[in-house]
Amino acid sequence: MPTSPEENPNPNNKLKLSAAPANKRRLSLSDIWYNKDTQALKQLVLQMRAQSVSSSTTPPSESESDVQSLTLDDPEPTRFGSSPDYTAVLSDKLLLSVLSKVPEGQHVANSLVCKRWCKLSGKLVRYIKLLDWEFLESGRLSYRFPGLIDIDLVRACVKSRRNSGIVMSHRLISVHLDSSSIDGGFVKEEGFLGKEVVDGGVKVLVEGCGNLRRMVLMNASVEGLGYLGEKCETLQELELHCCDDFALKGLFGCRNLQILKLVGCIDGLYNSMVSDIGLTILAQGCKRLLKLELVGCEGSYDGIKAIGQCCQMLGELILCDHRMDGGWLSALSYCSNLKTLKLQSCKVLDSSPGPDEHLGSCSTLEELHLQQCQLRDKQGVRALFMVCATVRELVFADCWGLDNAIFAAASVCRSLRFLSLEGCSLLTTEGLDSVVQSWKELERLKVVSCNNIKDSEITPELATLFSVLKELKWRPDSRSLLSSGLEGTGIGHKGGRSLRRK
């Protein structure tokens, strides 16, 4: 007799049918999520939160109160987890003190946690290299980073496209340029922000970040520099690019300026005029200078003399790729406290130094550095060493034309205690020996990558000198050093080992 599905023909199976749901598979987290079972999901979250609170390091009394306060009506879990934010009970001052202990490389990651951490992490940033000028003009820079003490604005002052395929790279600056912005080997005037725009940005920056200590700026006018000096009394170091003579009048307000770098010309980028007029204005406005660097600047005897007479605290002078007229070397005698003189990338030291009796001497000078300079002019090199006869440290690095005859002019430096020769390929062992023997106070010697100085040509007198030196770094011939290092490996011999990949 047929039966309907609703009827149970065998009453004894009633217990089996009612027990069947007990063997059903337990719902997983994925089942709860995809089935949109809100009640079960909240129950699961409640258990997870209670477990995280009970396993925390907080005191037992706090854990118990947190567990009891959890209900099914609590808000849904956030994207990053449902643990309570314990930093919310910390004051901004205390949390800022905690974040300041974190390494600087972690500040960016910390700023992504939340808006509060982003604002506090911004207060810890001390240096910024700005790329977008609009970020400065809008005031967002000073609001986001109110604790800045060092800022570089040069790249933001050049109108360029981020995706431009032309990159102009220099040891002082690296920017992206468009082909239409280059004219006659230099960037067009339209390729830079106008002076009015730069001055406006400087005012916005100084009003929001009044504790700046260092700034790198381009194409600023008298008004912009004057406002900077008036409002930013803590400014101690300034680097100016593309600045003319009369714009330097704005530096009169920078009373506490100690380090100044003035870039007049960069080949391929811009060419601004800085002459004796600008150097004189600079000297009269910045009398507390301790270090001065002139890059691509013109001038002569009068400009250097004014700097020496007015900046009596000047201890370091750097001239890079200078365009000075002949006779400027004799003006160094007016620098009464000058300790260090560095000449870098100079094509000519002094084209017309004048007679020896007019050269004078810089009696306080202790260090002389010549880096990537052309030393083919024997008269100019000789005049330099006569002015700097009292130096105790002499450094040559990758200088062209430094042969035995040119190096012999350094023998007038009788008080020399340290000599460094690097990349001087024309100097021989004989030329080194003849000059070094005249320096009775020599204590340290460094000779690196001077391939014409050979170990086999060292005289007994020179070897004796080496034995009494306090410090000796001797690696003159890089080829012989390489061959000695490969000795026994079979590399470099016919039929020996090779470094080529198969």
Protein backbone atom coordinates (compact mmCIF):
# COMPACT_ATOMS: atom_id res chain seq x y z
CA MET A 1 0.00 0.00 0.00
CA PRO A 2 1.62 3.22 -1.05
CA THR A 3 2.22 5.92 1.48
CA SER A 4 2.73 9.62 1.20
CA PRO A 5 6.12 11.14 2.00
CA GLU A 6 4.69 12.98 4.94
CA GLU A 7 3.61 9.78 6.66
CA ASN A 8 5.92 7.54 8.60
CA PRO A 9 5.02 3.89 8.12
CA ASN A 10 7.36 2.71 10.81
CA PRO A 11 6.89 4.52 14.14
CA ASN A 12 10.11 3.02 15.45
CA ASN A 13 12.13 5.16 13.11
CA LYS A 14 10.89 8.33 14.74
CA LEU A 15 13.92 8.65 16.96
CA LYS A 16 16.28 8.18 14.02
CA LEU A 17 14.62 10.91 12.00
CA SER A 18 14.75 13.37 14.86
CA ALA A 19 18.42 12.61 15.58
CA ALA A 20 19.58 13.22 12.02
CA PRO A 21 20.23 16.98 12.44
CA ALA A 22 22.79 16.22 15.18
CA ASN A 23 25.11 14.71 12.57
CA LYS A 24 24.91 17.75 10.31
CA ARG A 25 28.25 19.55 9.50
CA ARG A 26 29.06 22.51 11.74
CA LEU A 27 28.88 25.92 10.02
CA SER A 28 32.27 27.38 9.15
CA LEU A 29 33.24 31.08 9.05
CA SER A 30 32.88 31.11 5.26
CA ASP A 31 29.35 29.69 5.53
CA ILE A 32 28.38 32.39 8.02
CA TRP A 33 29.87 35.13 5.81
CA TYR A 34 28.35 34.06 2.50
CA ASN A 35 24.96 33.20 4.03
CA LYS A 36 24.82 36.70 5.60
CA ASP A 37 23.99 35.26 9.00
CA THR A 38 24.39 38.53 10.91
CA GLN A 39 23.54 37.11 14.30
CA ALA A 40 26.05 34.28 14.05
CA LEU A 41 28.70 36.63 12.69
CA LYS A 42 28.27 39.01 15.61
CA GLN A 43 28.47 36.10 18.02
CA LEU A 44 31.72 34.97 16.45
CA VAL A 45 33.20 38.47 16.58
CA LEU A 46 32.15 38.75 20.23
CA GLN A 47 34.03 35.58 21.11
CA MET A 48 37.14 36.74 19.22
CA ARG A 49 37.16 40.13 20.97
CA ALA A 50 36.67 38.56 24.37
CA GLN A 51 39.53 36.18 23.71
CA SER A 52 41.86 39.01 22.55
CA VAL A 53 41.08 41.11 25.61
CA SER A 54 41.57 38.22 28.03
CA SER A 55 44.95 37.36 26.46
CA SER A 56 46.22 40.97 26.58
CA THR A 57 48.81 42.31 29.01
CA THR A 58 46.38 44.67 30.75
CA PRO A 59 45.64 44.22 34.48
CA PRO A 60 42.97 41.56 35.35
CA SER A 61 40.49 44.15 36.57
CA GLU A 62 40.58 45.99 33.24
CA SER A 63 40.27 42.77 31.22
CA GLU A 64 37.23 41.62 33.17
CA SER A 65 35.47 44.94 32.78
CA ASP A 66 36.18 44.94 29.04
CA VAL A 67 34.75 41.42 28.66
CA GLN A 68 31.62 42.27 30.62
CA SER A 69 31.04 45.40 28.56
CA LEU A 70 31.01 43.50 25.25
CA THR A 71 27.52 42.95 23.81
CA LEU A 72 26.05 41.90 20.52
CA ASP A 73 25.20 45.53 19.83
CA ASP A 74 28.91 46.53 19.55
CA PRO A 75 29.93 47.99 16.19
CA GLU A 76 31.13 45.69 13.46
CA PRO A 77 34.86 44.96 13.23
CA THR A 78 37.03 47.40 11.37
CA ARG A 79 39.10 46.50 8.34
CA PHE A 80 42.33 46.21 10.32
CA GLY A 81 40.92 44.22 13.25
CA SER A 82 38.62 44.63 16.20
CA SER A 83 41.13 45.14 19.01
CA PRO A 84 40.61 48.34 21.00
CA ASP A 85 42.85 51.32 20.21
CA TYR A 86 44.88 51.72 23.40
CA THR A 87 46.71 54.78 21.96
CA ALA A 88 43.45 56.73 22.11
CA VAL A 89 43.89 57.22 25.86
CA LEU A 90 47.35 58.75 25.34
CA SER A 91 47.71 62.49 24.99
CA ASP A 92 49.22 63.94 21.81
CA LYS A 93 52.33 64.95 23.72
CA LEU A 94 52.88 61.46 25.12
CA LEU A 95 52.17 59.70 21.82
CA LEU A 96 54.46 62.12 20.00
CA SER A 97 57.21 61.25 22.48
CA VAL A 98 56.69 57.56 21.76
CA LEU A 99 56.73 58.03 17.96
CA SER A 100 59.90 60.10 18.19
CA LYS A 101 61.75 57.02 19.47
CA VAL A 102 60.98 55.14 16.26
CA PRO A 103 63.65 55.23 13.49
CA GLU A 104 63.12 57.94 10.87
CA GLY A 105 62.58 55.37 8.13
CA GLN A 106 59.41 54.22 9.91
CA HIS A 107 57.75 57.66 10.02
CA VAL A 108 56.09 57.25 6.62
CA ALA A 109 54.56 53.91 7.58
CA ASN A 110 53.36 55.32 10.90
CA SER A 111 51.63 58.21 9.13
CA LEU A 112 49.38 55.70 7.28
CA VAL A 113 47.84 54.24 10.45
CA CYS A 114 45.22 56.96 11.00
CA LYS A 115 44.68 60.70 10.68
CA ARG A 116 45.93 61.34 14.19
CA TRP A 117 49.16 59.43 13.63
CA CYS A 118 49.57 61.16 10.27
CA LYS A 119 49.40 64.59 11.91
CA LEU A 120 51.75 63.64 14.76
CA SER A 121 54.25 61.93 12.46
CA GLY A 122 54.40 65.08 10.34
CA LYS A 123 55.65 67.02 13.36
CA LEU A 124 58.69 64.72 13.51
CA VAL A 125 59.82 65.40 9.93
CA ARG A 126 62.80 67.76 9.86
CA TYR A 127 63.90 67.69 6.19
CA ILE A 128 61.91 67.91 2.95
CA LYS A 129 62.97 68.08 -0.70
CA LEU A 130 59.95 69.70 -2.36
CA LEU A 131 58.86 68.62 -5.84
CA ASP A 132 55.45 70.31 -6.17
CA TRP A 133 55.29 74.08 -5.67
CA GLU A 134 51.49 74.04 -5.37
CA PHE A 135 51.83 71.94 -2.22
CA LEU A 136 53.75 74.85 -0.70
CA GLU A 137 51.51 77.66 -1.98
CA SER A 138 48.35 76.02 -0.68
CA GLY A 139 49.73 75.98 2.87
CA ARG A 140 49.52 72.20 3.12
CA LEU A 141 53.28 71.87 3.50
CA SER A 142 53.52 74.01 6.65
CA TYR A 143 50.32 72.44 8.04
CA ARG A 144 51.51 68.90 7.39
CA PHE A 145 55.13 69.43 8.50
CA PRO A 146 55.22 72.29 11.03
CA GLY A 147 58.51 71.15 12.57
CA LEU A 148 60.67 71.57 9.46
CA ILE A 149 64.17 72.92 9.98
CA ASP A 150 65.68 72.01 6.57
CA ILE A 151 64.02 72.34 3.15
CA ASP A 152 65.18 72.16 -0.48
CA LEU A 153 63.01 74.09 -2.96
CA VAL A 154 65.20 73.98 -6.07
CA ARG A 155 63.47 71.16 -7.97
CA ALA A 156 60.07 72.70 -7.33
CA CYS A 157 61.29 76.00 -8.82
CA VAL A 158 61.94 74.37 -12.21
CA LYS A 159 58.91 73.84 -14.44
CA SER A 160 59.18 70.24 -15.54
CA ARG A 161 57.13 67.16 -16.18
CA ARG A 162 57.48 64.17 -13.93
CA ASN A 163 57.24 61.80 -16.92
CA SER A 164 59.76 63.68 -19.05
CA GLY A 165 62.41 61.48 -20.63
CA ILE A 166 65.10 64.19 -20.39
CA VAL A 167 66.97 64.32 -17.11
CA MET A 168 69.59 66.99 -16.52
CA SER A 169 71.90 65.66 -13.84
CA HIS A 170 74.59 67.67 -12.10
CA ARG A 171 76.35 67.12 -8.83
CA LEU A 172 74.45 70.16 -7.50
CA ILE A 173 71.01 69.50 -8.99
CA SER A 174 69.04 66.91 -10.96
CA VAL A 175 65.78 67.87 -12.75
CA HIS A 176 63.46 66.61 -15.49
CA LEU A 177 63.30 68.94 -18.50
CA ASP A 178 61.29 69.30 -21.70
CA SER A 179 63.01 69.68 -25.07
CA SER A 180 61.08 72.92 -25.68
CA SER A 181 62.50 74.52 -22.52
CA ILE A 182 66.15 74.40 -23.66
CA ASP A 183 67.61 77.24 -25.72
CA GLY A 184 71.25 77.89 -26.55
CA GLY A 185 72.55 75.30 -24.12
CA PHE A 186 70.63 76.74 -21.15
CA VAL A 187 67.07 76.45 -19.87
CA LYS A 188 64.84 79.29 -20.99
CA GLU A 189 63.79 81.90 -18.48
CA GLU A 190 60.21 80.63 -18.83
CA GLY A 191 61.38 77.25 -17.55
CA PHE A 192 61.75 78.62 -14.02
CA LEU A 193 59.16 79.99 -11.64
CA GLY A 194 58.98 83.77 -11.64
CA LYS A 195 60.49 85.80 -8.85
CA GLU A 196 57.06 86.91 -7.67
CA VAL A 197 55.87 83.32 -7.41
CA VAL A 198 59.00 82.26 -5.53
CA ASP A 199 58.71 85.21 -3.12
CA GLY A 200 55.06 84.36 -2.43
CA GLY A 201 55.94 80.76 -1.66
CA VAL A 202 58.74 81.84 0.67
CA LYS A 203 56.32 84.03 2.64
CA VAL A 204 53.83 81.17 3.03
CA LEU A 205 56.61 78.83 4.13
CA VAL A 206 58.15 81.20 6.68
CA GLU A 207 54.77 82.01 8.24
CA GLY A 208 54.08 78.33 8.86
CA CYS A 209 57.62 77.08 9.58
CA GLY A 210 59.37 79.87 11.46
CA ASN A 211 62.14 77.67 12.89
CA LEU A 212 63.96 76.92 9.66
CA ARG A 213 67.71 76.55 9.99
CA ARG A 214 68.66 75.61 6.41
CA MET A 215 67.09 76.41 3.05
CA VAL A 216 67.97 75.78 -0.61
CA LEU A 217 66.31 78.38 -2.84
CA MET A 218 66.30 79.41 -6.52
CA ASN A 219 65.46 82.63 -8.35
CA ALA A 220 64.52 84.68 -5.30
CA SER A 221 64.40 88.48 -5.34
CA VAL A 222 65.39 91.14 -2.82
CA GLU A 223 61.89 91.15 -1.31
CA GLY A 224 61.80 87.39 -0.82
CA LEU A 225 65.23 87.19 0.77
CA GLY A 226 64.50 90.24 2.92
CA TYR A 227 61.27 88.71 4.23
CA LEU A 228 63.11 85.45 4.90
CA GLY A 229 65.76 87.20 6.95
CA GLU A 230 63.21 89.27 8.86
CA LYS A 231 60.83 86.48 9.86
CA CYS A 232 63.20 83.53 10.14
CA GLU A 233 65.75 84.54 12.75
CA THR A 234 66.95 80.96 13.28
CA LEU A 235 68.23 80.60 9.71
CA GLN A 236 71.90 79.60 9.82
CA GLU A 237 72.58 77.98 6.43
CA LEU A 238 71.41 79.15 3.01
CA GLU A 239 72.04 77.93 -0.54
CA LEU A 240 71.05 80.29 -3.35
CA HIS A 241 70.76 79.31 -7.03
CA CYS A 242 70.29 81.61 -10.03
CA CYS A 243 70.69 84.81 -8.05
CA ASP A 244 72.05 88.11 -9.37
CA ASP A 245 74.11 90.80 -7.65
CA PHE A 246 71.35 93.11 -6.42
CA ALA A 247 69.17 90.30 -5.07
CA LEU A 248 71.87 89.72 -2.46
CA LYS A 249 70.79 92.94 -0.73
CA GLY A 250 68.06 90.85 0.90
CA LEU A 251 70.69 89.03 2.93
CA PHE A 252 71.17 92.08 5.16
CA GLY A 253 68.32 90.77 7.31
CA CYS A 254 69.92 87.36 7.85
CA ARG A 255 71.81 88.37 10.97
CA ASN A 256 72.55 84.84 12.17
CA LEU A 257 73.59 83.36 8.82
CA GLN A 258 76.78 81.34 9.22
CA ILE A 259 77.00 79.13 6.10
CA LEU A 260 76.28 80.44 2.59
CA LYS A 261 76.52 78.68 -0.76
CA LEU A 262 76.08 80.92 -3.78
CA VAL A 263 75.62 79.22 -7.16
CA GLY A 264 75.96 81.70 -10.00
CA CYS A 265 76.19 79.43 -13.03
CA ILE A 266 75.59 75.75 -13.82
CA ASP A 267 76.53 74.76 -17.36
CA GLY A 268 73.49 73.57 -19.26
CA LEU A 269 70.93 74.86 -16.74
CA TYR A 270 71.25 78.59 -16.07
CA ASN A 271 73.74 81.44 -16.16
CA SER A 272 73.31 84.27 -13.67
CA MET A 273 75.70 87.14 -13.00
CA VAL A 274 77.51 87.34 -9.64
CA SER A 275 80.41 89.77 -9.80
CA ASP A 276 82.45 91.95 -7.44
CA ILE A 277 79.33 94.04 -6.80
CA GLY A 278 77.45 91.06 -5.46
CA LEU A 279 80.43 89.84 -3.43
CA THR A 280 80.80 93.27 -1.83
CA ILE A 281 77.08 93.42 -0.97
CA LEU A 282 77.34 89.90 0.40
CA ALA A 283 80.34 90.77 2.55
CA GLN A 284 78.65 93.82 4.07
CA GLY A 285 75.39 92.00 4.81
CA CYS A 286 76.69 88.70 6.21
CA LYS A 287 79.48 89.57 8.59
CA ARG A 288 79.05 86.47 10.76
CA LEU A 289 79.83 83.98 8.02
CA LEU A 290 81.91 80.97 9.02
CA LYS A 291 81.81 79.15 5.68
CA LEU A 292 81.37 80.52 2.16
CA GLU A 293 81.11 78.53 -1.07
CA LEU A 294 81.08 80.26 -4.47
CA VAL A 295 80.09 78.15 -7.50
CA GLY A 296 80.42 79.54 -11.01
CA CYS A 297 80.83 83.10 -9.72
CA GLU A 298 82.79 85.90 -11.33
CA GLY A 299 84.85 88.43 -9.43
CA SER A 300 88.35 89.65 -8.87
CA TYR A 301 90.73 91.01 -6.25
CA ASP A 302 88.19 93.58 -4.99
CA GLY A 303 85.44 91.04 -4.26
CA ILE A 304 87.68 88.65 -2.32
CA LYS A 305 89.25 91.58 -0.45
CA ALA A 306 85.82 92.84 0.65
CA ILE A 307 84.93 89.37 1.94
CA GLY A 308 88.19 89.14 3.88
CA GLN A 309 87.80 92.58 5.45
CA CYS A 310 84.10 92.32 6.40
CA CYS A 311 83.71 88.62 7.22
CA GLN A 312 86.41 88.44 9.83
CA MET A 313 85.08 85.17 11.29
CA LEU A 314 85.29 83.33 7.95
CA GLY A 315 87.13 80.04 8.49
CA GLU A 316 86.43 78.09 5.27
CA LEU A 317 86.32 79.30 1.66
CA ILE A 318 85.35 77.06 -1.27
CA LEU A 319 85.66 78.14 -4.90
CA CYS A 320 84.14 75.80 -7.48
CA ASP A 321 84.52 76.42 -11.22
CA HIS A 322 85.31 80.06 -10.53
CA ARG A 323 85.56 82.72 -13.26
CA MET A 324 87.79 85.11 -11.28
CA ASP A 325 89.93 87.68 -13.00
CA GLY A 326 93.71 87.54 -12.67
CA GLY A 327 95.24 88.68 -9.41
CA TRP A 328 92.54 87.44 -7.01
CA LEU A 329 94.95 85.18 -5.13
CA SER A 330 96.72 88.07 -3.44
CA ALA A 331 93.42 89.14 -1.81
CA LEU A 332 93.49 86.01 0.36
CA SER A 333 95.93 87.77 2.66
CA TYR A 334 92.98 89.86 3.95
CA CYS A 335 91.23 86.73 5.27
CA SER A 336 92.72 86.95 8.73
CA ASN A 337 91.04 83.85 10.21
CA LEU A 338 90.82 81.58 7.17
CA LYS A 339 91.68 77.98 8.08
CA THR A 340 90.60 75.96 5.01
CA LEU A 341 90.74 76.76 1.29
CA LYS A 342 89.19 74.38 -1.26
CA LEU A 343 89.43 74.77 -5.04
CA GLN A 344 87.20 72.45 -7.06
CA SER A 345 86.81 71.97 -10.83
CA CYS A 346 88.80 75.12 -11.59
CA LYS A 347 90.06 75.40 -15.15
CA VAL A 348 92.56 78.13 -14.21
CA LEU A 349 93.78 78.97 -10.72
CA ASP A 350 94.96 82.53 -11.43
CA SER A 351 95.68 83.72 -14.95
CA SER A 352 97.80 86.68 -13.82
CA PRO A 353 98.93 86.46 -10.17
CA GLY A 354 101.37 89.37 -10.42
CA PRO A 355 104.84 89.76 -8.89
CA ASP A 356 105.83 87.74 -5.82
CA GLU A 357 106.23 90.77 -3.56
CA HIS A 358 102.54 91.66 -4.05
CA LEU A 359 101.12 88.20 -3.36
CA GLY A 360 101.21 88.35 0.40
CA SER A 361 100.49 85.34 2.59
CA CYS A 362 97.51 83.87 4.41
CA SER A 363 99.26 83.10 7.67
CA THR A 364 96.33 81.35 9.40
CA LEU A 365 95.66 78.84 6.61
CA GLU A 366 96.00 75.20 7.68
CA GLU A 367 94.34 73.13 4.91
CA LEU A 368 94.53 73.37 1.11
CA HIS A 369 92.40 71.07 -1.06
CA LEU A 370 92.67 70.84 -4.86
CA GLN A 371 89.99 68.63 -6.42
CA GLN A 372 89.58 68.03 -10.16
CA CYS A 373 91.51 71.18 -11.02
CA GLN A 374 93.68 71.85 -14.05
CA LEU A 375 97.21 72.54 -12.83
CA ARG A 376 98.97 73.05 -16.14
CA ASP A 377 99.70 76.73 -15.43
CA LYS A 378 102.94 76.61 -13.49
CA GLN A 379 102.84 80.33 -12.65
CA GLY A 380 99.37 80.16 -11.10
CA VAL A 381 100.19 77.00 -9.11
CA ARG A 382 103.41 78.54 -7.80
CA ALA A 383 101.56 81.69 -6.71
CA LEU A 384 98.96 79.59 -4.91
CA PHE A 385 101.58 77.73 -2.88
CA MET A 386 103.36 80.95 -1.99
CA VAL A 387 100.15 82.46 -0.62
CA CYS A 388 99.38 79.20 1.22
CA ALA A 389 102.90 78.49 2.43
CA THR A 390 101.79 77.89 6.03
CA VAL A 391 99.41 74.99 5.30
CA ARG A 392 99.74 71.79 7.29
CA GLU A 393 97.47 69.60 5.16
CA LEU A 394 97.70 69.40 1.37
CA VAL A 395 95.25 67.32 -0.68
CA PHE A 396 95.35 66.60 -4.42
CA ALA A 397 92.42 64.63 -5.88
CA ASP A 398 92.10 63.83 -9.61
CA CYS A 399 93.98 66.93 -10.74
CA TRP A 400 95.10 67.24 -14.36
CA GLY A 401 98.62 68.34 -15.20
CA LEU A 402 100.24 67.58 -11.82
CA ASP A 403 103.65 66.41 -13.01
CA ASN A 404 107.03 66.54 -11.28
CA ALA A 405 107.70 70.18 -12.20
CA ILE A 406 104.31 71.41 -10.96
CA PHE A 407 104.51 69.36 -7.77
CA ALA A 408 107.95 70.78 -7.00
CA ALA A 409 106.32 74.18 -6.34
CA ALA A 410 104.75 72.70 -3.19
CA SER A 411 108.17 72.45 -1.54
CA VAL A 412 107.70 75.98 -0.15
CA CYS A 413 105.14 74.57 2.33
CA ARG A 414 107.74 73.76 5.00
CA SER A 415 105.24 73.09 7.81
CA LEU A 416 103.33 70.36 5.99
CA ARG A 417 102.27 67.41 8.14
CA PHE A 418 99.78 65.58 5.90
CA LEU A 419 99.93 64.92 2.15
CA SER A 420 97.24 63.15 0.12
CA LEU A 421 97.70 62.22 -3.54
CA GLU A 422 94.86 60.49 -5.36
CA GLY A 423 94.46 60.01 -9.08
CA CYS A 424 97.64 61.94 -9.99
CA SER A 425 98.87 59.79 -12.86
CA LEU A 426 101.66 62.09 -14.12
CA LEU A 427 103.60 62.26 -10.87
CA THR A 428 106.51 59.80 -10.61
CA THR A 429 108.37 58.27 -7.68
CA GLU A 430 111.31 60.56 -8.34
CA GLY A 431 109.14 63.68 -8.22
CA LEU A 432 107.50 62.55 -4.99
CA ASP A 433 110.82 61.68 -3.35
CA SER A 434 112.46 65.02 -4.16
CA VAL A 435 109.69 67.05 -2.52
CA VAL A 436 108.74 64.82 0.41
CA GLN A 437 112.30 64.77 1.69
CA SER A 438 112.16 68.56 2.22
CA TRP A 439 109.17 68.30 4.58
CA LYS A 440 110.78 67.57 7.92
CA GLU A 441 107.49 67.71 9.87
CA LEU A 442 105.58 65.26 7.67
CA GLU A 443 103.61 62.76 9.77
CA ARG A 444 100.97 61.27 7.48
CA LEU A 445 101.09 60.26 3.81
CA LYS A 446 98.39 58.92 1.50
CA VAL A 447 99.14 57.85 -2.08
CA VAL A 448 96.31 56.17 -4.03
CA SER A 449 95.89 55.42 -7.76
CA CYS A 450 99.04 57.23 -8.93
CA ASN A 451 100.12 54.74 -11.57
CA ASN A 452 103.52 56.28 -12.34
CA ILE A 453 104.68 55.84 -8.75
CA LYS A 454 106.21 52.36 -8.57
CA ASP A 455 107.10 50.24 -5.57
CA SER A 456 110.26 49.10 -7.32
CA GLU A 457 111.54 52.69 -7.59
CA ILE A 458 111.40 53.51 -3.86
CA THR A 459 114.79 54.73 -2.67
CA PRO A 460 116.31 53.78 0.71
CA GLU A 461 115.84 57.37 1.89
CA LEU A 462 112.14 57.26 1.04
CA ALA A 463 111.77 53.88 2.73
CA THR A 464 113.38 55.30 5.86
CA LEU A 465 110.90 58.17 5.81
CA PHE A 466 108.02 55.72 5.56
CA SER A 467 109.21 53.91 8.67
CA VAL A 468 108.93 56.99 10.89
CA LEU A 469 105.53 58.18 9.67
CA LYS A 470 102.58 57.96 12.06
CA GLU A 471 100.20 57.03 9.25
CA LEU A 472 100.89 55.65 5.78
CA LYS A 473 98.38 54.58 3.12
CA TRP A 474 100.34 53.31 0.10
CA ARG A 475 98.38 52.07 -2.92
CA PRO A 476 99.95 53.99 -5.79
CA ASP A 477 99.72 51.53 -8.68
CA SER A 478 96.25 50.03 -9.07
CA ARG A 479 97.49 47.65 -11.79
CA SER A 480 100.18 46.13 -9.63
CA LEU A 481 97.68 45.92 -6.77
CA LEU A 482 95.25 44.01 -9.00
CA SER A 483 97.93 41.65 -10.30
CA SER A 484 99.16 40.89 -6.78
CA GLY A 485 95.61 40.19 -5.68
CA LEU A 486 95.08 37.74 -8.57
CA GLU A 487 98.40 36.01 -8.00
CA GLY A 488 97.93 32.24 -7.79
CA THR A 489 94.39 32.26 -9.22
CA GLY A 490 95.45 31.70 -12.83
CA ILE A 491 93.34 34.65 -14.03
CA GLY A 492 95.06 36.92 -16.51
CA HIS A 493 97.40 34.26 -17.96
CA LYS A 494 97.07 32.58 -21.32
CA GLY A 495 95.24 29.30 -20.93
CA GLY A 496 94.28 30.14 -17.34
CA ARG A 497 90.94 30.70 -15.71
CA SER A 498 88.44 33.15 -17.08
CA LEU A 499 85.57 35.12 -15.57
CA ARG A 500 83.43 34.78 -18.69
CA ARG A 501 80.13 33.00 -18.40
CA LYS A 502 79.64 29.91 -20.51
